[in-house]
Each structure stands twice: as C-alpha cells, then as structure tokens.
Amino acid sequence: MKTAKLAYRPLGLAFGFAGGIAARAAFNQVWKWAGHDDDAPDAMDEERTWREILLAAALQGAVFAVVKAAVDRAGATSVRRLTGTWPS
C-alpha cells in the first residue's frame, strides 16, 4: 500500500468526524437562515408537513455533500503536502 494512502487513513477518519460535526452545525444555521426557528423536522415527525420534511432532507443532504467534498479535498491536499503524492 502506498505511503500516502496509509498517511491519509488516520487523517481521513479525523477529518470525517470533524466534518460531520461541522456539517451538522452548518445545516442548523442554514435551516435557521431559511426562516425556521425550530429544529429541522425528522421524517417521523407527525406534526410536520411532507413539504417541510422533504425540504429539510434535501437541504441537509446538500450541506453534508458540500462539507464532505471540502473535507475530503482538504485531507488529500494535506497528505500531498506531507508526502509529496496524492492519496488515490
């Protein structure tokens, strides 16, 4: 296994964990910015409408995808700086 790939594994785990926390915080801010005072609805929330639940799910998916891409890219770039090769 390549050195860069081995070096990326622990960084990838740490970045992934931190990215999940950051994505949740970002989603909560975006949800509040969209004009919702309360927490985002859960799919099993009987009090919420289909529209609100699906909107929250789509928005959450988009935020998590962007954060994941940014975290993965930052991790790979860091490994390249440390090892000189891209972890593929």
PDB file of N, CA and C in Angstrom:
ATOM      1  N   MET A   1       0.844  -1.178   0.000  1.00  0.00           N
ATOM      2  CA  MET A   1       0.000   0.000   0.000  1.00  0.00           C
ATOM      3  C   MET A   1       0.893   1.247   0.000  1.00  0.00           C
ATOM      4  N   LYS A   2       0.476   2.258  -0.717  1.00  0.00           N
ATOM      5  CA  LYS A   2       1.264   3.479  -0.830  1.00  0.00           C
ATOM      6  C   LYS A   2       1.355   4.205   0.506  1.00  0.00           C
ATOM      7  N   THR A   3       2.463   4.896   0.706  1.00  0.00           N
ATOM      8  CA  THR A   3       2.675   5.671   1.925  1.00  0.00           C
ATOM      9  C   THR A   3       1.616   6.753   2.070  1.00  0.00           C
ATOM     10  N   ALA A   4       1.295   7.421   0.967  1.00  0.00           N
ATOM     11  CA  ALA A   4       0.308   8.498   1.012  1.00  0.00           C
ATOM     12  C   ALA A   4      -1.055   7.967   1.440  1.00  0.00           C
ATOM     13  N   LYS A   5      -1.401   6.781   0.960  1.00  0.00           N
ATOM     14  CA  LYS A   5      -2.688   6.197   1.311  1.00  0.00           C
ATOM     15  C   LYS A   5      -2.728   5.837   2.798  1.00  0.00           C
ATOM     16  N   LEU A   6      -1.622   5.287   3.303  1.00  0.00           N
ATOM     17  CA  LEU A   6      -1.543   4.963   4.728  1.00  0.00           C
ATOM     18  C   LEU A   6      -1.594   6.211   5.595  1.00  0.00           C
ATOM     19  N   ALA A   7      -0.919   7.256   5.143  1.00  0.00           N
ATOM     20  CA  ALA A   7      -0.917   8.509   5.896  1.00  0.00           C
ATOM     21  C   ALA A   7      -2.296   9.158   5.884  1.00  0.00           C
ATOM     22  N   TYR A   8      -3.046   8.927   4.842  1.00  0.00           N
ATOM     23  CA  TYR A   8      -4.355   9.562   4.715  1.00  0.00           C
ATOM     24  C   TYR A   8      -5.407   8.910   5.608  1.00  0.00           C
ATOM     25  N   ARG A   9      -5.269   7.628   5.908  1.00  0.00           N
ATOM     26  CA  ARG A   9      -6.304   6.925   6.674  1.00  0.00           C
ATOM     27  C   ARG A   9      -6.607   7.576   8.025  1.00  0.00           C
ATOM     28  N   PRO A  10      -5.621   7.790   8.896  1.00  0.00           N
ATOM     29  CA  PRO A  10      -5.962   8.412  10.183  1.00  0.00           C
ATOM     30  C   PRO A  10      -6.446   9.855  10.019  1.00  0.00           C
ATOM     31  N   LEU A  11      -5.857  10.561   9.073  1.00  0.00           N
ATOM     32  CA  LEU A  11      -6.326  11.925   8.816  1.00  0.00           C
ATOM     33  C   LEU A  11      -7.751  11.913   8.290  1.00  0.00           C
ATOM     34  N   GLY A  12      -8.039  10.976   7.398  1.00  0.00           N
ATOM     35  CA  GLY A  12      -9.381  10.874   6.831  1.00  0.00           C
ATOM     36  C   GLY A  12     -10.429  10.601   7.890  1.00  0.00           C
ATOM     37  N   LEU A  13     -10.115   9.741   8.840  1.00  0.00           N
ATOM     38  CA  LEU A  13     -11.049   9.453   9.932  1.00  0.00           C
ATOM     39  C   LEU A  13     -11.282  10.688  10.805  1.00  0.00           C
ATOM     40  N   ALA A  14     -10.198  11.350  11.157  1.00  0.00           N
ATOM     41  CA  ALA A  14     -10.325  12.547  11.994  1.00  0.00           C
ATOM     42  C   ALA A  14     -11.057  13.660  11.256  1.00  0.00           C
ATOM     43  N   PHE A  15     -10.698  13.874   9.992  1.00  0.00           N
ATOM     44  CA  PHE A  15     -11.383  14.896   9.201  1.00  0.00           C
ATOM     45  C   PHE A  15     -12.854  14.547   8.999  1.00  0.00           C
ATOM     46  N   GLY A  16     -13.149  13.277   8.787  1.00  0.00           N
ATOM     47  CA  GLY A  16     -14.537  12.855   8.598  1.00  0.00           C
ATOM     48  C   GLY A  16     -15.383  13.115   9.830  1.00  0.00           C
ATOM     49  N   PHE A  17     -14.836  12.819  10.993  1.00  0.00           N
ATOM     50  CA  PHE A  17     -15.551  13.070  12.246  1.00  0.00           C
ATOM     51  C   PHE A  17     -15.792  14.563  12.435  1.00  0.00           C
ATOM     52  N   ALA A  18     -14.741  15.356  12.267  1.00  0.00           N
ATOM     53  CA  ALA A  18     -14.865  16.807  12.413  1.00  0.00           C
ATOM     54  C   ALA A  18     -15.800  17.381  11.354  1.00  0.00           C
ATOM     55  N   GLY A  19     -15.742  16.822  10.147  1.00  0.00           N
ATOM     56  CA  GLY A  19     -16.626  17.282   9.074  1.00  0.00           C
ATOM     57  C   GLY A  19     -18.087  17.025   9.382  1.00  0.00           C
ATOM     58  N   GLY A  20     -18.381  15.897   9.999  1.00  0.00           N
ATOM     59  CA  GLY A  20     -19.762  15.595  10.383  1.00  0.00           C
ATOM     60  C   GLY A  20     -20.302  16.586  11.391  1.00  0.00           C
ATOM     61  N   ILE A  21     -19.465  16.939  12.345  1.00  0.00           N
ATOM     62  CA  ILE A  21     -19.871  17.932  13.343  1.00  0.00           C
ATOM     63  C   ILE A  21     -20.070  19.299  12.681  1.00  0.00           C
ATOM     64  N   ALA A  22     -19.137  19.667  11.799  1.00  0.00           N
ATOM     65  CA  ALA A  22     -19.243  20.954  11.104  1.00  0.00           C
ATOM     66  C   ALA A  22     -20.463  20.989  10.187  1.00  0.00           C
ATOM     67  N   ALA A  23     -20.746  19.880   9.522  1.00  0.00           N
ATOM     68  CA  ALA A  23     -21.895  19.826   8.617  1.00  0.00           C
ATOM     69  C   ALA A  23     -23.199  19.979   9.385  1.00  0.00           C
ATOM     70  N   ARG A  24     -23.285  19.358  10.535  1.00  0.00           N
ATOM     71  CA  ARG A  24     -24.499  19.478  11.356  1.00  0.00           C
ATOM     72  C   ARG A  24     -24.696  20.923  11.795  1.00  0.00           C
ATOM     73  N   ALA A  25     -23.619  21.560  12.246  1.00  0.00           N
ATOM     74  CA  ALA A  25     -23.711  22.959  12.670  1.00  0.00           C
ATOM     75  C   ALA A  25     -24.077  23.859  11.496  1.00  0.00           C
ATOM     76  N   ALA A  26     -23.474  23.606  10.330  1.00  0.00           N
ATOM     77  CA  ALA A  26     -23.784  24.407   9.140  1.00  0.00           C
ATOM     78  C   ALA A  26     -25.240  24.224   8.729  1.00  0.00           C
ATOM     79  N   PHE A  27     -25.717  22.985   8.752  1.00  0.00           N
ATOM     80  CA  PHE A  27     -27.110  22.742   8.389  1.00  0.00           C
ATOM     81  C   PHE A  27     -28.060  23.457   9.340  1.00  0.00           C
ATOM     82  N   ASN A  28     -27.776  23.412  10.632  1.00  0.00           N
ATOM     83  CA  ASN A  28     -28.641  24.102  11.597  1.00  0.00           C
ATOM     84  C   ASN A  28     -28.689  25.594  11.319  1.00  0.00           C
ATOM     85  N   GLN A  29     -27.544  26.184  10.962  1.00  0.00           N
ATOM     86  CA  GLN A  29     -27.518  27.612  10.639  1.00  0.00           C
ATOM     87  C   GLN A  29     -28.304  27.910   9.358  1.00  0.00           C
ATOM     88  N   VAL A  30     -28.131  27.067   8.347  1.00  0.00           N
ATOM     89  CA  VAL A  30     -28.860  27.261   7.093  1.00  0.00           C
ATOM     90  C   VAL A  30     -30.361  27.113   7.331  1.00  0.00           C
ATOM     91  N   TRP A  31     -30.750  26.157   8.149  1.00  0.00           N
ATOM     92  CA  TRP A  31     -32.167  25.939   8.441  1.00  0.00           C
ATOM     93  C   TRP A  31     -32.760  27.169   9.133  1.00  0.00           C
ATOM     94  N   LYS A  32     -32.009  27.733  10.075  1.00  0.00           N
ATOM     95  CA  LYS A  32     -32.479  28.943  10.753  1.00  0.00           C
ATOM     96  C   LYS A  32     -32.508  30.120   9.790  1.00  0.00           C
ATOM     97  N   TRP A  33     -31.505  30.213   8.923  1.00  0.00           N
ATOM     98  CA  TRP A  33     -31.444  31.292   7.933  1.00  0.00           C
ATOM     99  C   TRP A  33     -32.630  31.217   6.977  1.00  0.00           C
ATOM    100  N   ALA A  34     -33.100  30.017   6.694  1.00  0.00           N
ATOM    101  CA  ALA A  34     -34.232  29.822   5.787  1.00  0.00           C
ATOM    102  C   ALA A  34     -35.553  30.232   6.438  1.00  0.00           C
ATOM    103  N   GLY A  35     -35.497  30.683   7.677  1.00  0.00           N
ATOM    104  CA  GLY A  35     -36.690  31.212   8.317  1.00  0.00           C
ATOM    105  C   GLY A  35     -37.381  30.272   9.272  1.00  0.00           C
ATOM    106  N   HIS A  36     -36.716  29.225   9.685  1.00  0.00           N
ATOM    107  CA  HIS A  36     -37.313  28.267  10.613  1.00  0.00           C
ATOM    108  C   HIS A  36     -36.673  28.452  11.987  1.00  0.00           C
ATOM    109  N   ASP A  37     -37.490  28.732  12.974  1.00  0.00           N
ATOM    110  CA  ASP A  37     -36.977  28.959  14.324  1.00  0.00           C
ATOM    111  C   ASP A  37     -36.645  27.672  15.056  1.00  0.00           C
ATOM    112  N   ASP A  38     -37.404  26.629  14.771  1.00  0.00           N
ATOM    113  CA  ASP A  38     -37.212  25.383  15.490  1.00  0.00           C
ATOM    114  C   ASP A  38     -36.248  24.457  14.757  1.00  0.00           C
ATOM    115  N   ASP A  39     -35.990  23.313  15.368  1.00  0.00           N
ATOM    116  CA  ASP A  39     -35.105  22.328  14.758  1.00  0.00           C
ATOM    117  C   ASP A  39     -35.706  21.772  13.481  1.00  0.00           C
ATOM    118  N   ALA A  40     -34.857  21.258  12.624  1.00  0.00           N
ATOM    119  CA  ALA A  40     -35.313  20.640  11.382  1.00  0.00           C
ATOM    120  C   ALA A  40     -36.171  19.419  11.707  1.00  0.00           C
ATOM    121  N   PRO A  41     -37.165  19.159  10.884  1.00  0.00           N
ATOM    122  CA  PRO A  41     -38.049  18.032  11.173  1.00  0.00           C
ATOM    123  C   PRO A  41     -37.393  16.686  10.898  1.00  0.00           C
ATOM    124  N   ASP A  42     -37.836  15.717  11.633  1.00  0.00           N
ATOM    125  CA  ASP A  42     -37.441  14.335  11.438  1.00  0.00           C
ATOM    126  C   ASP A  42     -38.484  13.699  10.523  1.00  0.00           C
ATOM    127  N   ALA A  43     -38.098  12.695   9.770  1.00  0.00           N
ATOM    128  CA  ALA A  43     -39.027  12.049   8.841  1.00  0.00           C
ATOM    129  C   ALA A  43     -40.244  11.466   9.566  1.00  0.00           C
ATOM    130  N   MET A  44     -40.091  11.115  10.813  1.00  0.00           N
ATOM    131  CA  MET A  44     -41.190  10.530  11.578  1.00  0.00           C
ATOM    132  C   MET A  44     -41.957  11.556  12.409  1.00  0.00           C
ATOM    133  N   ASP A  45     -41.691  12.838  12.200  1.00  0.00           N
ATOM    134  CA  ASP A  45     -42.371  13.899  12.937  1.00  0.00           C
ATOM    135  C   ASP A  45     -43.786  14.065  12.405  1.00  0.00           C
ATOM    136  N   GLU A  46     -44.745  13.644  13.175  1.00  0.00           N
ATOM    137  CA  GLU A  46     -46.144  13.651  12.748  1.00  0.00           C
ATOM    138  C   GLU A  46     -46.710  15.060  12.592  1.00  0.00           C
ATOM    139  N   GLU A  47     -46.141  16.008  13.297  1.00  0.00           N
ATOM    140  CA  GLU A  47     -46.642  17.383  13.288  1.00  0.00           C
ATOM    141  C   GLU A  47     -46.223  18.174  12.041  1.00  0.00           C
ATOM    142  N   ARG A  48     -45.239  17.686  11.306  1.00  0.00           N
ATOM    143  CA  ARG A  48     -44.693  18.423  10.162  1.00  0.00           C
ATOM    144  C   ARG A  48     -45.317  17.954   8.859  1.00  0.00           C
ATOM    145  N   THR A  49     -45.294  18.837   7.863  1.00  0.00           N
ATOM    146  CA  THR A  49     -45.841  18.503   6.551  1.00  0.00           C
ATOM    147  C   THR A  49     -44.804  17.768   5.706  1.00  0.00           C
ATOM    148  N   TRP A  50     -45.300  17.110   4.657  1.00  0.00           N
ATOM    149  CA  TRP A  50     -44.407  16.427   3.716  1.00  0.00           C
ATOM    150  C   TRP A  50     -43.421  17.424   3.126  1.00  0.00           C
ATOM    151  N   ARG A  51     -43.939  18.573   2.745  1.00  0.00           N
ATOM    152  CA  ARG A  51     -43.097  19.583   2.103  1.00  0.00           C
ATOM    153  C   ARG A  51     -41.934  19.990   3.002  1.00  0.00           C
ATOM    154  N   GLU A  52     -42.236  20.251   4.265  1.00  0.00           N
ATOM    155  CA  GLU A  52     -41.198  20.685   5.191  1.00  0.00           C
ATOM    156  C   GLU A  52     -40.175  19.576   5.444  1.00  0.00           C
ATOM    157  N   ILE A  53     -40.632  18.360   5.581  1.00  0.00           N
ATOM    158  CA  ILE A  53     -39.720  17.233   5.826  1.00  0.00           C
ATOM    159  C   ILE A  53     -38.812  16.999   4.621  1.00  0.00           C
ATOM    160  N   LEU A  54     -39.386  17.012   3.422  1.00  0.00           N
ATOM    161  CA  LEU A  54     -38.571  16.771   2.226  1.00  0.00           C
ATOM    162  C   LEU A  54     -37.615  17.922   1.942  1.00  0.00           C
ATOM    163  N   LEU A  55     -38.054  19.138   2.199  1.00  0.00           N
ATOM    164  CA  LEU A  55     -37.167  20.292   2.043  1.00  0.00           C
ATOM    165  C   LEU A  55     -35.979  20.186   2.997  1.00  0.00           C
ATOM    166  N   ALA A  56     -36.251  19.836   4.243  1.00  0.00           N
ATOM    167  CA  ALA A  56     -35.174  19.695   5.225  1.00  0.00           C
ATOM    168  C   ALA A  56     -34.207  18.590   4.816  1.00  0.00           C
ATOM    169  N   ALA A  57     -34.736  17.473   4.327  1.00  0.00           N
ATOM    170  CA  ALA A  57     -33.872  16.360   3.923  1.00  0.00           C
ATOM    171  C   ALA A  57     -32.993  16.744   2.731  1.00  0.00           C
ATOM    172  N   ALA A  58     -33.570  17.434   1.755  1.00  0.00           N
ATOM    173  CA  ALA A  58     -32.795  17.851   0.580  1.00  0.00           C
ATOM    174  C   ALA A  58     -31.715  18.859   0.968  1.00  0.00           C
ATOM    175  N   LEU A  59     -32.066  19.790   1.804  1.00  0.00           N
ATOM    176  CA  LEU A  59     -31.111  20.805   2.253  1.00  0.00           C
ATOM    177  C   LEU A  59     -30.000  20.172   3.078  1.00  0.00           C
ATOM    178  N   GLN A  60     -30.362  19.254   3.947  1.00  0.00           N
ATOM    179  CA  GLN A  60     -29.362  18.573   4.763  1.00  0.00           C
ATOM    180  C   GLN A  60     -28.414  17.757   3.900  1.00  0.00           C
ATOM    181  N   GLY A  61     -28.953  17.064   2.905  1.00  0.00           N
ATOM    182  CA  GLY A  61     -28.116  16.284   2.000  1.00  0.00           C
ATOM    183  C   GLY A  61     -27.136  17.160   1.232  1.00  0.00           C
ATOM    184  N   ALA A  62     -27.613  18.302   0.771  1.00  0.00           N
ATOM    185  CA  ALA A  62     -26.745  19.221   0.030  1.00  0.00           C
ATOM    186  C   ALA A  62     -25.627  19.763   0.915  1.00  0.00           C
ATOM    187  N   VAL A  63     -25.967  20.180   2.118  1.00  0.00           N
ATOM    188  CA  VAL A  63     -24.957  20.722   3.033  1.00  0.00           C
ATOM    189  C   VAL A  63     -23.933  19.651   3.378  1.00  0.00           C
ATOM    190  N   PHE A  64     -24.390  18.444   3.694  1.00  0.00           N
ATOM    191  CA  PHE A  64     -23.458  17.376   4.050  1.00  0.00           C
ATOM    192  C   PHE A  64     -22.559  17.007   2.869  1.00  0.00           C
ATOM    193  N   ALA A  65     -23.097  16.999   1.661  1.00  0.00           N
ATOM    194  CA  ALA A  65     -22.288  16.666   0.485  1.00  0.00           C
ATOM    195  C   ALA A  65     -21.203  17.707   0.245  1.00  0.00           C
ATOM    196  N   VAL A  66     -21.537  18.970   0.394  1.00  0.00           N
ATOM    197  CA  VAL A  66     -20.551  20.037   0.199  1.00  0.00           C
ATOM    198  C   VAL A  66     -19.461  19.965   1.267  1.00  0.00           C
ATOM    199  N   VAL A  67     -19.857  19.767   2.511  1.00  0.00           N
ATOM    200  CA  VAL A  67     -18.867  19.679   3.586  1.00  0.00           C
ATOM    201  C   VAL A  67     -17.981  18.452   3.391  1.00  0.00           C
ATOM    202  N   LYS A  68     -18.564  17.318   3.015  1.00  0.00           N
ATOM    203  CA  LYS A  68     -17.781  16.100   2.795  1.00  0.00           C
ATOM    204  C   LYS A  68     -16.765  16.304   1.679  1.00  0.00           C
ATOM    205  N   ALA A  69     -17.181  16.926   0.587  1.00  0.00           N
ATOM    206  CA  ALA A  69     -16.262  17.177  -0.518  1.00  0.00           C
ATOM    207  C   ALA A  69     -15.125  18.106  -0.083  1.00  0.00           C
ATOM    208  N   ALA A  70     -15.455  19.135   0.683  1.00  0.00           N
ATOM    209  CA  ALA A  70     -14.435  20.075   1.150  1.00  0.00           C
ATOM    210  C   ALA A  70     -13.459  19.391   2.104  1.00  0.00           C
ATOM    211  N   VAL A  71     -13.971  18.560   2.990  1.00  0.00           N
ATOM    212  CA  VAL A  71     -13.124  17.860   3.953  1.00  0.00           C
ATOM    213  C   VAL A  71     -12.232  16.842   3.246  1.00  0.00           C
ATOM    214  N   ASP A  72     -12.801  16.076   2.326  1.00  0.00           N
ATOM    215  CA  ASP A  72     -12.007  15.097   1.579  1.00  0.00           C
ATOM    216  C   ASP A  72     -10.897  15.777   0.781  1.00  0.00           C
ATOM    217  N   ARG A  73     -11.235  16.866   0.142  1.00  0.00           N
ATOM    218  CA  ARG A  73     -10.245  17.588  -0.663  1.00  0.00           C
ATOM    219  C   ARG A  73      -9.145  18.172   0.215  1.00  0.00           C
ATOM    220  N   ALA A  74      -9.528  18.745   1.347  1.00  0.00           N
ATOM    221  CA  ALA A  74      -8.533  19.314   2.263  1.00  0.00           C
ATOM    222  C   ALA A  74      -7.623  18.223   2.818  1.00  0.00           C
ATOM    223  N   GLY A  75      -8.189  17.075   3.122  1.00  0.00           N
ATOM    224  CA  GLY A  75      -7.374  15.968   3.627  1.00  0.00           C
ATOM    225  C   GLY A  75      -6.389  15.469   2.598  1.00  0.00           C
ATOM    226  N   ALA A  76      -6.846  15.293   1.372  1.00  0.00           N
ATOM    227  CA  ALA A  76      -5.959  14.822   0.307  1.00  0.00           C
ATOM    228  C   ALA A  76      -4.859  15.843   0.023  1.00  0.00           C
ATOM    229  N   THR A  77      -5.203  17.110   0.045  1.00  0.00           N
ATOM    230  CA  THR A  77      -4.213  18.163  -0.174  1.00  0.00           C
ATOM    231  C   THR A  77      -3.173  18.174   0.943  1.00  0.00           C
ATOM    232  N   SER A  78      -3.623  17.963   2.170  1.00  0.00           N
ATOM    233  CA  SER A  78      -2.698  17.911   3.304  1.00  0.00           C
ATOM    234  C   SER A  78      -1.732  16.740   3.176  1.00  0.00           C
ATOM    235  N   VAL A  79      -2.248  15.586   2.759  1.00  0.00           N
ATOM    236  CA  VAL A  79      -1.384  14.417   2.589  1.00  0.00           C
ATOM    237  C   VAL A  79      -0.372  14.675   1.483  1.00  0.00           C
ATOM    238  N   ARG A  80      -0.803  15.317   0.410  1.00  0.00           N
ATOM    239  CA  ARG A  80       0.146  15.626  -0.670  1.00  0.00           C
ATOM    240  C   ARG A  80       1.244  16.556  -0.181  1.00  0.00           C
ATOM    241  N   ARG A  81       0.885  17.522   0.660  1.00  0.00           N
ATOM    242  CA  ARG A  81       1.903  18.422   1.214  1.00  0.00           C
ATOM    243  C   ARG A  81       2.888  17.669   2.098  1.00  0.00           C
ATOM    244  N   LEU A  82       2.385  16.705   2.854  1.00  0.00           N
ATOM    245  CA  LEU A  82       3.241  15.951   3.771  1.00  0.00           C
ATOM    246  C   LEU A  82       4.105  14.905   3.060  1.00  0.00           C
ATOM    247  N   THR A  83       3.518  14.217   2.074  1.00  0.00           N
ATOM    248  CA  THR A  83       4.213  13.088   1.453  1.00  0.00           C
ATOM    249  C   THR A  83       4.703  13.354   0.035  1.00  0.00           C
ATOM    250  N   GLY A  84       4.141  14.356  -0.602  1.00  0.00           N
ATOM    251  CA  GLY A  84       4.519  14.663  -1.973  1.00  0.00           C
ATOM    252  C   GLY A  84       3.715  13.915  -3.008  1.00  0.00           C
ATOM    253  N   THR A  85       2.817  13.016  -2.594  1.00  0.00           N
ATOM    254  CA  THR A  85       1.973  12.287  -3.534  1.00  0.00           C
ATOM    255  C   THR A  85       0.518  12.394  -3.132  1.00  0.00           C
ATOM    256  N   TRP A  86      -0.337  12.267  -4.134  1.00  0.00           N
ATOM    257  CA  TRP A  86      -1.785  12.355  -3.912  1.00  0.00           C
ATOM    258  C   TRP A  86      -2.310  10.984  -3.472  1.00  0.00           C
ATOM    259  N   PRO A  87      -3.093  10.926  -2.410  1.00  0.00           N
ATOM    260  CA  PRO A  87      -3.619   9.641  -1.937  1.00  0.00           C
ATOM    261  C   PRO A  87      -4.775   9.158  -2.825  1.00  0.00           C
ATOM    262  N   SER A  88      -4.525   8.168  -3.636  1.00  0.00           N
ATOM    263  CA  SER A  88      -5.591   7.681  -4.524  1.00  0.00           C
ATOM    264  C   SER A  88      -6.010   6.289  -4.198  1.00  0.00           C
TER     265      SER A  88
END
